[in-house]
């Protein structure tokens, strides 16, 4: 494990104390560790499944807007991850397992930890899915929170890292819903008149679905 730069930041106050509480909890719950390790490493794939289901819902509703929103949920997550990189470099926060000198439950590099990439993607996807279906969005939000918590549990992030990531991802997708999705909806609507129509709608496009509210 490489040592962080001498100028790297280390959180103090509530964030450090909150992390230590979670760390002690992790040490006392060996039975939970395999589950949290899986979520920390691979839980993000469940969010990919949620995006596919959101796309399928939009397609079944014959709603180009819902399909566009589901696609934006994926693209918005990529945009959010790109935004995170310069923030992480500027903050240059030391990860907890480096600062506190312990072995995390999963292997991880000693790069800057604020904000969390995983939490950023999770927040973006949860917001995108929620804008298509609040029921599926509620499930996806729960999964996102579990993924975010698991990153703290295994020792690779402080609580503020995942909270900032969740918020950043959600805000970027929410902004794109009003600025990018309208254009994507027009593109999706145009695609319904091409051989790619089955990707957008399961049948003829119903004009009434254009004004569909997330449900």
N, C-alpha and C. Protein backbone atom coordinates (compact mmCIF):
# COMPACT_ATOMS: atom_id res chain seq x y z
N UNK A 1 0.85 -1.19 0.00
CA UNK A 1 0.00 0.00 0.00
C UNK A 1 0.88 1.24 0.00
N UNK A 2 0.68 2.09 -0.97
CA UNK A 2 1.50 3.30 -1.06
C UNK A 2 1.00 4.37 -0.11
N UNK A 3 1.90 5.20 0.37
CA UNK A 3 1.53 6.27 1.31
C UNK A 3 0.97 7.45 0.54
N UNK A 4 0.00 8.19 1.11
CA UNK A 4 -0.57 9.34 0.45
C UNK A 4 0.41 10.51 0.46
N UNK A 5 0.21 11.48 -0.42
CA UNK A 5 1.07 12.65 -0.41
C UNK A 5 0.99 13.37 0.93
N UNK A 6 2.05 14.07 1.29
CA UNK A 6 2.11 14.75 2.58
C UNK A 6 1.04 15.81 2.71
N UNK A 7 0.60 16.35 1.57
CA UNK A 7 -0.40 17.42 1.61
C UNK A 7 -1.84 16.89 1.57
N UNK A 8 -2.02 15.57 1.55
CA UNK A 8 -3.36 15.01 1.46
C UNK A 8 -4.19 15.38 2.68
N UNK A 9 -5.47 15.60 2.44
CA UNK A 9 -6.37 16.01 3.52
C UNK A 9 -6.92 14.80 4.26
N UNK A 10 -7.15 14.97 5.55
CA UNK A 10 -7.75 13.93 6.38
C UNK A 10 -8.92 14.55 7.12
N UNK A 11 -10.14 14.03 6.94
CA UNK A 11 -11.30 14.61 7.62
C UNK A 11 -11.18 14.55 9.13
N UNK A 12 -11.81 15.48 9.79
CA UNK A 12 -11.83 15.50 11.25
C UNK A 12 -13.26 15.75 11.70
N UNK A 13 -13.47 15.75 12.99
CA UNK A 13 -14.79 16.06 13.51
C UNK A 13 -15.79 14.94 13.28
N UNK A 14 -17.04 15.33 12.94
CA UNK A 14 -18.14 14.36 12.86
C UNK A 14 -17.85 13.26 11.84
N UNK A 15 -17.21 13.62 10.73
CA UNK A 15 -16.99 12.64 9.66
C UNK A 15 -16.07 11.52 10.13
N UNK A 16 -15.01 11.89 10.79
CA UNK A 16 -14.07 10.89 11.31
C UNK A 16 -14.73 10.04 12.39
N UNK A 17 -15.47 10.67 13.28
CA UNK A 17 -16.15 9.93 14.35
C UNK A 17 -17.21 8.99 13.77
N UNK A 18 -17.96 9.48 12.78
CA UNK A 18 -18.98 8.64 12.15
C UNK A 18 -18.33 7.44 11.46
N UNK A 19 -17.20 7.68 10.79
CA UNK A 19 -16.51 6.55 10.16
C UNK A 19 -16.07 5.53 11.20
N UNK A 20 -15.51 6.01 12.32
CA UNK A 20 -15.05 5.08 13.35
C UNK A 20 -16.19 4.27 13.92
N UNK A 21 -17.37 4.87 14.05
CA UNK A 21 -18.54 4.13 14.51
C UNK A 21 -18.88 2.99 13.55
N UNK A 22 -18.87 3.31 12.25
CA UNK A 22 -19.16 2.28 11.24
C UNK A 22 -18.05 1.23 11.23
N UNK A 23 -16.81 1.67 11.36
CA UNK A 23 -15.68 0.74 11.38
C UNK A 23 -15.78 -0.24 12.54
N UNK A 24 -16.12 0.25 13.71
CA UNK A 24 -16.29 -0.63 14.87
C UNK A 24 -17.46 -1.58 14.65
N UNK A 25 -18.52 -1.08 14.05
CA UNK A 25 -19.67 -1.94 13.73
C UNK A 25 -19.24 -3.05 12.78
N UNK A 26 -18.44 -2.71 11.76
CA UNK A 26 -17.98 -3.71 10.81
C UNK A 26 -17.14 -4.79 11.49
N UNK A 27 -16.32 -4.37 12.44
CA UNK A 27 -15.48 -5.34 13.16
C UNK A 27 -16.29 -6.28 14.03
N UNK A 28 -17.47 -5.83 14.46
CA UNK A 28 -18.32 -6.66 15.33
C UNK A 28 -19.31 -7.51 14.54
N UNK A 29 -19.40 -7.33 13.26
CA UNK A 29 -20.41 -8.04 12.46
C UNK A 29 -19.76 -8.83 11.33
N UNK A 30 -18.96 -9.80 11.72
CA UNK A 30 -18.30 -10.64 10.73
C UNK A 30 -19.28 -11.33 9.80
N UNK A 31 -20.45 -11.68 10.30
CA UNK A 31 -21.46 -12.35 9.47
C UNK A 31 -21.97 -11.47 8.33
N UNK A 32 -21.87 -10.15 8.51
CA UNK A 32 -22.36 -9.22 7.49
C UNK A 32 -21.28 -8.84 6.47
N UNK A 33 -20.04 -9.09 6.81
CA UNK A 33 -18.95 -8.63 5.97
C UNK A 33 -18.99 -9.15 4.53
N UNK A 34 -19.27 -10.44 4.28
CA UNK A 34 -19.32 -10.91 2.89
C UNK A 34 -20.38 -10.18 2.06
N UNK A 35 -21.51 -9.88 2.67
CA UNK A 35 -22.57 -9.17 1.96
C UNK A 35 -22.13 -7.75 1.62
N UNK A 36 -21.56 -7.05 2.60
CA UNK A 36 -21.12 -5.68 2.37
C UNK A 36 -19.95 -5.63 1.38
N UNK A 37 -19.08 -6.63 1.44
CA UNK A 37 -17.98 -6.68 0.48
C UNK A 37 -18.52 -6.82 -0.94
N UNK A 38 -19.54 -7.66 -1.11
CA UNK A 38 -20.12 -7.84 -2.45
C UNK A 38 -20.75 -6.54 -2.94
N UNK A 39 -21.52 -5.88 -2.07
CA UNK A 39 -22.14 -4.61 -2.47
C UNK A 39 -21.08 -3.56 -2.80
N UNK A 40 -20.00 -3.53 -2.01
CA UNK A 40 -18.95 -2.54 -2.23
C UNK A 40 -18.23 -2.76 -3.55
N UNK A 41 -18.07 -4.03 -3.94
CA UNK A 41 -17.36 -4.34 -5.18
C UNK A 41 -18.29 -4.39 -6.38
N UNK A 42 -19.41 -5.12 -6.24
CA UNK A 42 -20.22 -5.48 -7.41
C UNK A 42 -21.67 -4.99 -7.36
N UNK A 43 -22.05 -4.30 -6.28
CA UNK A 43 -23.43 -3.85 -6.17
C UNK A 43 -23.85 -2.92 -7.29
N UNK A 44 -22.88 -2.24 -7.89
CA UNK A 44 -23.18 -1.28 -8.95
C UNK A 44 -23.87 -1.97 -10.13
N UNK A 45 -23.65 -3.28 -10.30
CA UNK A 45 -24.28 -4.00 -11.40
C UNK A 45 -25.79 -4.08 -11.22
N UNK A 46 -26.26 -4.06 -9.97
CA UNK A 46 -27.70 -4.04 -9.72
C UNK A 46 -28.32 -2.75 -10.25
N UNK A 47 -27.55 -1.67 -10.20
CA UNK A 47 -28.04 -0.40 -10.72
C UNK A 47 -28.15 -0.44 -12.23
N UNK A 48 -27.24 -1.16 -12.87
CA UNK A 48 -27.33 -1.33 -14.32
C UNK A 48 -28.60 -2.09 -14.68
N UNK A 49 -28.94 -3.09 -13.87
CA UNK A 49 -30.18 -3.83 -14.09
C UNK A 49 -31.38 -2.91 -13.93
N UNK A 50 -31.33 -2.04 -12.92
CA UNK A 50 -32.44 -1.10 -12.69
C UNK A 50 -32.62 -0.18 -13.90
N UNK A 51 -31.52 0.26 -14.50
CA UNK A 51 -31.62 1.11 -15.69
C UNK A 51 -32.27 0.36 -16.85
N UNK A 52 -31.92 -0.90 -17.02
CA UNK A 52 -32.52 -1.70 -18.08
C UNK A 52 -34.02 -1.86 -17.83
N UNK A 53 -34.39 -2.10 -16.58
CA UNK A 53 -35.81 -2.24 -16.25
C UNK A 53 -36.54 -0.92 -16.50
N UNK A 54 -35.91 0.22 -16.15
CA UNK A 54 -36.51 1.53 -16.39
C UNK A 54 -36.72 1.75 -17.89
N UNK A 55 -35.72 1.38 -18.69
CA UNK A 55 -35.88 1.48 -20.15
C UNK A 55 -37.04 0.61 -20.62
N UNK A 56 -37.14 -0.59 -20.09
CA UNK A 56 -38.22 -1.51 -20.49
C UNK A 56 -39.59 -0.94 -20.11
N UNK A 57 -39.66 -0.32 -18.96
CA UNK A 57 -40.92 0.30 -18.54
C UNK A 57 -41.31 1.41 -19.51
N UNK A 58 -40.35 2.27 -19.86
CA UNK A 58 -40.63 3.33 -20.81
C UNK A 58 -41.06 2.79 -22.16
N UNK A 59 -40.40 1.73 -22.59
CA UNK A 59 -40.75 1.10 -23.87
C UNK A 59 -42.15 0.52 -23.81
N UNK A 60 -42.48 -0.15 -22.69
CA UNK A 60 -43.82 -0.74 -22.54
C UNK A 60 -44.90 0.34 -22.50
N UNK A 61 -44.57 1.51 -21.95
CA UNK A 61 -45.52 2.62 -21.90
C UNK A 61 -45.64 3.33 -23.25
N UNK A 62 -44.77 2.96 -24.20
CA UNK A 62 -44.71 3.62 -25.51
C UNK A 62 -44.42 5.12 -25.33
N UNK A 63 -43.48 5.39 -24.43
CA UNK A 63 -43.14 6.77 -24.09
C UNK A 63 -41.69 7.08 -24.46
N UNK A 64 -41.46 7.77 -25.56
CA UNK A 64 -40.08 8.17 -25.90
C UNK A 64 -39.42 8.97 -24.78
N UNK A 65 -40.20 9.77 -24.05
CA UNK A 65 -39.62 10.57 -22.97
C UNK A 65 -39.09 9.68 -21.85
N UNK A 66 -39.84 8.66 -21.46
CA UNK A 66 -39.37 7.77 -20.40
C UNK A 66 -38.14 6.99 -20.85
N UNK A 67 -38.15 6.55 -22.11
CA UNK A 67 -36.97 5.85 -22.64
C UNK A 67 -35.76 6.78 -22.62
N UNK A 68 -35.97 8.02 -23.06
CA UNK A 68 -34.88 9.00 -23.06
C UNK A 68 -34.38 9.26 -21.64
N UNK A 69 -35.29 9.29 -20.69
CA UNK A 69 -34.90 9.53 -19.29
C UNK A 69 -34.07 8.38 -18.76
N UNK A 70 -34.45 7.16 -19.08
CA UNK A 70 -33.68 5.99 -18.63
C UNK A 70 -32.27 6.01 -19.24
N UNK A 71 -32.19 6.35 -20.53
CA UNK A 71 -30.88 6.43 -21.19
C UNK A 71 -30.05 7.55 -20.57
N UNK A 72 -30.70 8.68 -20.27
CA UNK A 72 -29.98 9.78 -19.64
C UNK A 72 -29.48 9.39 -18.25
N UNK A 73 -30.22 8.53 -17.56
CA UNK A 73 -29.76 8.07 -16.25
C UNK A 73 -28.38 7.42 -16.36
N UNK A 74 -28.18 6.64 -17.44
CA UNK A 74 -26.87 6.01 -17.66
C UNK A 74 -25.83 7.03 -18.10
N UNK A 75 -26.19 7.87 -19.08
CA UNK A 75 -25.25 8.88 -19.57
C UNK A 75 -24.92 9.90 -18.49
N UNK A 76 -25.94 10.28 -17.71
CA UNK A 76 -25.72 11.24 -16.63
C UNK A 76 -24.76 10.71 -15.60
N UNK A 77 -24.79 9.40 -15.35
CA UNK A 77 -23.85 8.81 -14.40
C UNK A 77 -22.42 8.95 -14.92
N UNK A 78 -22.24 8.78 -16.23
CA UNK A 78 -20.91 8.94 -16.82
C UNK A 78 -20.45 10.40 -16.74
N UNK A 79 -21.38 11.31 -16.99
CA UNK A 79 -21.05 12.74 -16.88
C UNK A 79 -20.65 13.07 -15.44
N UNK A 80 -21.41 12.55 -14.48
CA UNK A 80 -21.12 12.82 -13.07
C UNK A 80 -19.75 12.27 -12.68
N UNK A 81 -19.42 11.09 -13.18
CA UNK A 81 -18.11 10.51 -12.88
C UNK A 81 -16.98 11.35 -13.46
N UNK A 82 -17.23 11.95 -14.63
CA UNK A 82 -16.22 12.83 -15.22
C UNK A 82 -16.05 14.09 -14.38
N UNK A 83 -17.16 14.61 -13.84
CA UNK A 83 -17.11 15.81 -13.00
C UNK A 83 -16.36 15.53 -11.70
N UNK A 84 -16.49 14.32 -11.19
CA UNK A 84 -15.87 13.95 -9.92
C UNK A 84 -14.35 14.02 -9.97
N UNK A 85 -13.77 13.68 -11.12
CA UNK A 85 -12.32 13.52 -11.18
C UNK A 85 -11.54 14.78 -10.77
N UNK A 86 -11.84 15.96 -11.34
CA UNK A 86 -11.10 17.15 -10.89
C UNK A 86 -11.40 17.53 -9.44
N UNK A 87 -12.61 17.23 -8.99
CA UNK A 87 -12.95 17.51 -7.59
C UNK A 87 -12.09 16.66 -6.67
N UNK A 88 -11.97 15.38 -7.02
CA UNK A 88 -11.16 14.47 -6.20
C UNK A 88 -9.70 14.91 -6.17
N UNK A 89 -9.20 15.34 -7.32
CA UNK A 89 -7.81 15.79 -7.38
C UNK A 89 -7.59 17.04 -6.53
N UNK A 90 -8.56 17.95 -6.56
CA UNK A 90 -8.44 19.19 -5.79
C UNK A 90 -8.56 18.92 -4.29
N UNK A 91 -9.50 18.08 -3.90
CA UNK A 91 -9.70 17.78 -2.47
C UNK A 91 -8.54 16.95 -1.91
N UNK A 92 -8.08 15.99 -2.72
CA UNK A 92 -6.92 15.16 -2.35
C UNK A 92 -7.07 14.57 -0.94
N UNK A 93 -8.22 13.96 -0.71
CA UNK A 93 -8.50 13.41 0.62
C UNK A 93 -7.90 12.01 0.77
N UNK A 94 -7.21 11.79 1.86
CA UNK A 94 -6.65 10.48 2.17
C UNK A 94 -7.76 9.50 2.54
N UNK A 95 -7.74 8.32 1.97
CA UNK A 95 -8.75 7.33 2.32
C UNK A 95 -8.56 6.86 3.76
N UNK A 96 -9.64 6.44 4.40
CA UNK A 96 -9.54 6.11 5.83
C UNK A 96 -8.57 4.98 6.15
N UNK A 97 -8.51 3.96 5.28
CA UNK A 97 -7.62 2.84 5.60
C UNK A 97 -6.15 3.25 5.50
N UNK A 98 -5.87 4.33 4.74
CA UNK A 98 -4.51 4.85 4.68
C UNK A 98 -4.23 5.73 5.89
N UNK A 99 -5.15 6.65 6.17
CA UNK A 99 -4.95 7.60 7.28
C UNK A 99 -4.90 6.90 8.63
N UNK A 100 -5.75 5.88 8.79
CA UNK A 100 -5.84 5.20 10.09
C UNK A 100 -5.04 3.91 10.14
N UNK A 101 -4.39 3.58 9.02
CA UNK A 101 -3.46 2.45 8.96
C UNK A 101 -4.09 1.12 9.36
N UNK A 102 -5.08 0.69 8.58
CA UNK A 102 -5.64 -0.64 8.77
C UNK A 102 -5.90 -1.25 7.40
N UNK A 103 -6.16 -2.54 7.35
CA UNK A 103 -6.40 -3.24 6.11
C UNK A 103 -7.90 -3.21 5.79
N UNK A 104 -8.30 -2.64 4.67
CA UNK A 104 -9.73 -2.62 4.34
C UNK A 104 -10.22 -4.02 3.99
N UNK A 105 -11.53 -4.19 3.99
CA UNK A 105 -12.10 -5.51 3.71
C UNK A 105 -12.01 -5.88 2.25
N UNK A 106 -11.81 -4.90 1.36
CA UNK A 106 -11.60 -5.18 -0.05
C UNK A 106 -10.31 -4.49 -0.49
N UNK A 107 -9.68 -5.05 -1.50
CA UNK A 107 -8.46 -4.42 -2.00
C UNK A 107 -8.80 -3.11 -2.69
N UNK A 108 -8.04 -2.07 -2.42
CA UNK A 108 -8.30 -0.78 -3.04
C UNK A 108 -7.03 0.04 -3.11
N UNK A 109 -6.91 0.84 -4.15
CA UNK A 109 -5.75 1.72 -4.29
C UNK A 109 -5.84 2.85 -3.27
N UNK A 110 -4.72 3.52 -3.05
CA UNK A 110 -4.66 4.60 -2.05
C UNK A 110 -4.83 5.97 -2.70
N UNK A 111 -5.66 6.05 -3.73
CA UNK A 111 -5.89 7.33 -4.40
C UNK A 111 -6.83 8.20 -3.57
N UNK A 112 -7.09 9.42 -4.04
CA UNK A 112 -7.97 10.34 -3.32
C UNK A 112 -9.38 9.77 -3.23
N UNK A 113 -10.05 10.01 -2.10
CA UNK A 113 -11.33 9.35 -1.86
C UNK A 113 -12.57 10.22 -1.88
N UNK A 114 -12.43 11.53 -2.06
CA UNK A 114 -13.60 12.42 -2.02
C UNK A 114 -13.81 13.08 -3.37
N UNK A 115 -15.03 12.99 -3.93
CA UNK A 115 -16.19 12.19 -3.51
C UNK A 115 -16.05 10.74 -4.00
N UNK A 116 -16.95 9.89 -3.56
CA UNK A 116 -16.93 8.49 -3.95
C UNK A 116 -17.46 8.30 -5.37
N UNK A 117 -16.67 7.64 -6.22
CA UNK A 117 -17.13 7.33 -7.58
C UNK A 117 -18.38 6.45 -7.54
N UNK A 118 -18.33 5.41 -6.72
CA UNK A 118 -19.46 4.48 -6.65
C UNK A 118 -20.74 5.19 -6.21
N UNK A 119 -20.62 6.02 -5.18
CA UNK A 119 -21.81 6.73 -4.69
C UNK A 119 -22.31 7.74 -5.72
N UNK A 120 -21.39 8.37 -6.45
CA UNK A 120 -21.79 9.32 -7.47
C UNK A 120 -22.61 8.63 -8.55
N UNK A 121 -22.12 7.50 -9.03
CA UNK A 121 -22.85 6.74 -10.05
C UNK A 121 -24.19 6.26 -9.49
N UNK A 122 -24.18 5.82 -8.23
CA UNK A 122 -25.41 5.32 -7.60
C UNK A 122 -26.45 6.42 -7.48
N UNK A 123 -26.03 7.62 -7.06
CA UNK A 123 -26.97 8.73 -6.95
C UNK A 123 -27.55 9.13 -8.29
N UNK A 124 -26.71 9.11 -9.33
CA UNK A 124 -27.17 9.47 -10.67
C UNK A 124 -28.19 8.47 -11.18
N UNK A 125 -27.88 7.20 -11.05
CA UNK A 125 -28.79 6.16 -11.54
C UNK A 125 -30.10 6.17 -10.77
N UNK A 126 -30.03 6.30 -9.45
CA UNK A 126 -31.25 6.32 -8.65
C UNK A 126 -32.17 7.46 -9.06
N UNK A 127 -31.59 8.63 -9.31
CA UNK A 127 -32.39 9.78 -9.74
C UNK A 127 -33.02 9.53 -11.10
N UNK A 128 -32.23 9.01 -12.05
CA UNK A 128 -32.76 8.73 -13.38
C UNK A 128 -33.90 7.73 -13.36
N UNK A 129 -33.72 6.67 -12.59
CA UNK A 129 -34.76 5.64 -12.51
C UNK A 129 -36.00 6.20 -11.82
N UNK A 130 -35.81 6.99 -10.78
CA UNK A 130 -36.94 7.57 -10.06
C UNK A 130 -37.79 8.45 -10.98
N UNK A 131 -37.15 9.13 -11.93
CA UNK A 131 -37.88 10.00 -12.86
C UNK A 131 -38.70 9.21 -13.87
N UNK A 132 -38.42 7.93 -13.99
CA UNK A 132 -39.23 7.07 -14.86
C UNK A 132 -40.33 6.40 -14.06
N UNK A 133 -39.99 5.87 -12.90
CA UNK A 133 -40.95 5.16 -12.06
C UNK A 133 -40.58 5.35 -10.59
N UNK A 134 -41.47 5.95 -9.82
CA UNK A 134 -41.13 6.20 -8.42
C UNK A 134 -41.03 4.90 -7.64
N UNK A 135 -41.78 3.87 -8.04
CA UNK A 135 -41.71 2.59 -7.33
C UNK A 135 -40.35 1.93 -7.56
N UNK A 136 -39.96 1.81 -8.82
CA UNK A 136 -38.65 1.26 -9.11
C UNK A 136 -37.56 2.19 -8.58
N UNK A 137 -37.81 3.48 -8.63
CA UNK A 137 -36.85 4.45 -8.11
C UNK A 137 -36.62 4.29 -6.62
N UNK A 138 -37.68 3.97 -5.87
CA UNK A 138 -37.54 3.78 -4.43
C UNK A 138 -36.64 2.57 -4.14
N UNK A 139 -36.84 1.50 -4.90
CA UNK A 139 -35.99 0.31 -4.73
C UNK A 139 -34.54 0.63 -5.09
N UNK A 140 -34.38 1.35 -6.20
CA UNK A 140 -33.03 1.70 -6.66
C UNK A 140 -32.35 2.63 -5.67
N UNK A 141 -33.11 3.55 -5.09
CA UNK A 141 -32.54 4.45 -4.08
C UNK A 141 -32.06 3.66 -2.86
N UNK A 142 -32.85 2.66 -2.45
CA UNK A 142 -32.44 1.81 -1.32
C UNK A 142 -31.14 1.08 -1.66
N UNK A 143 -31.07 0.53 -2.87
CA UNK A 143 -29.85 -0.15 -3.29
C UNK A 143 -28.65 0.81 -3.30
N UNK A 144 -28.90 2.03 -3.75
CA UNK A 144 -27.83 3.04 -3.80
C UNK A 144 -27.32 3.37 -2.40
N UNK A 145 -28.23 3.48 -1.46
CA UNK A 145 -27.84 3.76 -0.08
C UNK A 145 -27.04 2.60 0.52
N UNK A 146 -27.44 1.38 0.18
CA UNK A 146 -26.70 0.21 0.68
C UNK A 146 -25.29 0.19 0.09
N UNK A 147 -25.20 0.49 -1.20
CA UNK A 147 -23.88 0.53 -1.85
C UNK A 147 -23.01 1.61 -1.21
N UNK A 148 -23.60 2.78 -1.00
CA UNK A 148 -22.84 3.87 -0.37
C UNK A 148 -22.38 3.49 1.03
N UNK A 149 -23.27 2.91 1.82
CA UNK A 149 -22.91 2.49 3.18
C UNK A 149 -21.82 1.41 3.14
N UNK A 150 -21.92 0.50 2.18
CA UNK A 150 -20.95 -0.59 2.10
C UNK A 150 -19.54 -0.07 1.85
N UNK A 151 -19.43 1.04 1.10
CA UNK A 151 -18.11 1.61 0.82
C UNK A 151 -17.47 2.18 2.10
N UNK A 152 -18.31 2.65 3.00
CA UNK A 152 -17.80 3.09 4.31
C UNK A 152 -17.51 1.88 5.18
N UNK A 153 -18.40 0.91 5.15
CA UNK A 153 -18.29 -0.30 5.97
C UNK A 153 -16.98 -1.03 5.71
N UNK A 154 -16.59 -1.15 4.43
CA UNK A 154 -15.37 -1.91 4.12
C UNK A 154 -14.11 -1.09 4.34
N UNK A 155 -14.26 0.21 4.62
CA UNK A 155 -13.12 1.02 5.01
C UNK A 155 -12.45 1.83 3.93
N UNK A 156 -13.10 2.00 2.76
CA UNK A 156 -12.44 2.74 1.68
C UNK A 156 -12.95 4.17 1.52
N UNK A 157 -13.99 4.54 2.28
CA UNK A 157 -14.51 5.90 2.21
C UNK A 157 -14.98 6.37 3.57
N UNK A 158 -14.94 7.69 3.76
CA UNK A 158 -15.59 8.33 4.89
C UNK A 158 -17.06 8.60 4.53
N UNK A 159 -17.93 8.78 5.53
CA UNK A 159 -19.33 9.09 5.24
C UNK A 159 -19.52 10.29 4.32
N UNK A 160 -18.73 11.35 4.50
CA UNK A 160 -18.90 12.54 3.67
C UNK A 160 -18.58 12.25 2.20
N UNK A 161 -17.71 11.27 1.95
CA UNK A 161 -17.37 10.92 0.57
C UNK A 161 -18.59 10.38 -0.17
N UNK A 162 -19.32 9.49 0.50
CA UNK A 162 -20.46 8.87 -0.17
C UNK A 162 -21.67 9.81 -0.20
N UNK A 163 -21.84 10.61 0.84
CA UNK A 163 -22.95 11.56 0.85
C UNK A 163 -22.79 12.60 -0.26
N UNK A 164 -21.56 13.09 -0.42
CA UNK A 164 -21.30 14.06 -1.48
C UNK A 164 -21.48 13.42 -2.84
N UNK A 165 -21.03 12.19 -2.98
CA UNK A 165 -21.19 11.49 -4.26
C UNK A 165 -22.65 11.28 -4.63
N UNK A 166 -23.44 10.81 -3.68
CA UNK A 166 -24.88 10.60 -3.93
C UNK A 166 -25.55 11.89 -4.38
N UNK A 167 -25.25 12.97 -3.66
CA UNK A 167 -25.87 14.26 -3.97
C UNK A 167 -25.42 14.78 -5.33
N UNK A 168 -24.14 14.68 -5.62
CA UNK A 168 -23.61 15.19 -6.88
C UNK A 168 -24.21 14.45 -8.06
N UNK A 169 -24.25 13.12 -7.97
CA UNK A 169 -24.82 12.33 -9.07
C UNK A 169 -26.27 12.65 -9.29
N UNK A 170 -27.05 12.76 -8.21
CA UNK A 170 -28.48 13.05 -8.34
C UNK A 170 -28.72 14.43 -8.93
N UNK A 171 -27.95 15.43 -8.50
CA UNK A 171 -28.13 16.79 -8.98
C UNK A 171 -27.82 16.89 -10.48
N UNK A 172 -26.76 16.24 -10.91
CA UNK A 172 -26.40 16.30 -12.33
C UNK A 172 -27.47 15.66 -13.20
N UNK A 173 -28.00 14.53 -12.77
CA UNK A 173 -29.06 13.89 -13.56
C UNK A 173 -30.34 14.71 -13.51
N UNK A 174 -30.66 15.31 -12.37
CA UNK A 174 -31.86 16.15 -12.27
C UNK A 174 -31.75 17.36 -13.18
N UNK A 175 -30.59 17.99 -13.24
CA UNK A 175 -30.40 19.13 -14.13
C UNK A 175 -30.55 18.69 -15.59
N UNK A 176 -29.97 17.55 -15.91
CA UNK A 176 -30.06 17.04 -17.27
C UNK A 176 -31.48 16.66 -17.67
N UNK A 177 -32.31 16.31 -16.70
CA UNK A 177 -33.70 15.96 -17.00
C UNK A 177 -34.42 17.14 -17.64
N UNK A 178 -34.06 18.35 -17.22
CA UNK A 178 -34.72 19.54 -17.76
C UNK A 178 -33.97 20.16 -18.95
N UNK A 179 -32.69 19.83 -19.09
CA UNK A 179 -31.88 20.46 -20.13
C UNK A 179 -31.50 19.52 -21.27
N UNK A 180 -31.29 18.26 -20.97
CA UNK A 180 -30.82 17.30 -21.97
C UNK A 180 -31.93 16.36 -22.45
N UNK A 181 -32.77 15.91 -21.53
CA UNK A 181 -33.81 14.93 -21.88
C UNK A 181 -34.79 15.44 -22.94
N UNK A 182 -35.18 16.72 -22.94
CA UNK A 182 -36.07 17.17 -24.02
C UNK A 182 -35.49 16.92 -25.41
N UNK A 183 -34.20 17.19 -25.59
CA UNK A 183 -33.56 16.90 -26.88
C UNK A 183 -33.51 15.40 -27.13
N UNK A 184 -33.15 14.64 -26.12
CA UNK A 184 -33.09 13.19 -26.27
C UNK A 184 -34.47 12.61 -26.58
N UNK A 185 -35.51 13.23 -26.03
CA UNK A 185 -36.87 12.78 -26.31
C UNK A 185 -37.22 12.98 -27.78
N UNK A 186 -36.82 14.13 -28.33
CA UNK A 186 -37.07 14.37 -29.75
C UNK A 186 -36.32 13.36 -30.63
N UNK A 187 -35.10 13.03 -30.21
CA UNK A 187 -34.35 12.03 -30.96
C UNK A 187 -35.03 10.67 -30.86
N UNK A 188 -35.46 10.31 -29.64
CA UNK A 188 -36.15 9.02 -29.44
C UNK A 188 -37.44 8.97 -30.25
N UNK A 189 -38.16 10.10 -30.28
CA UNK A 189 -39.40 10.15 -31.05
C UNK A 189 -39.11 9.95 -32.54
N UNK A 190 -38.04 10.55 -33.03
CA UNK A 190 -37.65 10.37 -34.43
C UNK A 190 -37.30 8.91 -34.71
N UNK A 191 -36.64 8.26 -33.74
CA UNK A 191 -36.25 6.86 -33.92
C UNK A 191 -37.45 5.94 -34.03
N UNK A 192 -38.61 6.38 -33.50
CA UNK A 192 -39.81 5.54 -33.62
C UNK A 192 -40.28 5.44 -35.06
N UNK A 193 -39.75 6.29 -35.93
CA UNK A 193 -40.12 6.24 -37.35
C UNK A 193 -39.00 5.63 -38.19
N UNK A 194 -38.10 4.90 -37.51
CA UNK A 194 -37.00 4.22 -38.17
C UNK A 194 -37.03 2.74 -37.80
N UNK A 195 -36.18 1.94 -38.41
CA UNK A 195 -36.13 0.51 -38.04
C UNK A 195 -35.76 0.26 -36.58
N UNK A 196 -35.28 1.29 -35.89
CA UNK A 196 -34.93 1.14 -34.47
C UNK A 196 -36.12 1.34 -33.54
N UNK A 197 -37.31 1.50 -34.11
CA UNK A 197 -38.51 1.75 -33.31
C UNK A 197 -38.70 0.75 -32.16
N UNK A 198 -38.41 -0.56 -32.35
CA UNK A 198 -38.62 -1.51 -31.24
C UNK A 198 -37.79 -1.19 -29.99
N UNK A 199 -36.71 -0.41 -30.13
CA UNK A 199 -35.93 -0.03 -28.96
C UNK A 199 -36.61 1.07 -28.16
N UNK A 200 -37.54 1.78 -28.77
CA UNK A 200 -38.19 2.92 -28.14
C UNK A 200 -39.59 2.59 -27.65
N UNK A 201 -40.30 1.79 -28.41
CA UNK A 201 -41.69 1.51 -28.05
C UNK A 201 -42.08 0.09 -28.42
N UNK A 202 -42.95 -0.48 -27.59
CA UNK A 202 -43.43 -1.83 -27.84
C UNK A 202 -44.58 -1.82 -28.84
N UNK A 203 -45.07 -0.65 -29.22
CA UNK A 203 -46.18 -0.54 -30.16
C UNK A 203 -46.18 0.84 -30.78
N UNK A 204 -47.33 1.27 -31.24
CA UNK A 204 -47.45 2.60 -31.79
C UNK A 204 -47.32 3.63 -30.68
N UNK A 205 -46.63 4.73 -30.95
CA UNK A 205 -46.44 5.78 -29.95
C UNK A 205 -47.76 6.47 -29.68
N UNK A 206 -48.10 6.56 -28.40
CA UNK A 206 -49.31 7.25 -27.97
C UNK A 206 -48.94 8.66 -27.58
N UNK A 207 -49.50 9.64 -28.26
CA UNK A 207 -49.16 11.04 -27.98
C UNK A 207 -49.44 11.40 -26.53
N UNK A 208 -50.40 10.73 -25.91
CA UNK A 208 -50.75 11.06 -24.53
C UNK A 208 -49.62 10.73 -23.57
N UNK A 209 -48.77 9.75 -23.99
CA UNK A 209 -47.70 9.36 -23.08
C UNK A 209 -46.61 10.43 -23.04
N UNK A 210 -46.59 11.34 -24.00
CA UNK A 210 -45.58 12.38 -24.01
C UNK A 210 -45.64 13.23 -22.76
N UNK A 211 -46.86 13.37 -22.23
CA UNK A 211 -47.05 14.20 -21.03
C UNK A 211 -47.06 13.36 -19.77
N UNK A 212 -46.58 12.10 -19.87
CA UNK A 212 -46.64 11.18 -18.75
C UNK A 212 -45.84 11.70 -17.56
N UNK A 213 -46.43 11.55 -16.39
CA UNK A 213 -45.75 11.90 -15.15
C UNK A 213 -45.15 10.62 -14.58
N UNK A 214 -43.95 10.69 -13.94
CA UNK A 214 -43.36 9.50 -13.33
C UNK A 214 -44.33 8.86 -12.35
N UNK A 215 -44.44 7.53 -12.40
CA UNK A 215 -45.36 6.81 -11.52
C UNK A 215 -44.72 5.56 -10.98
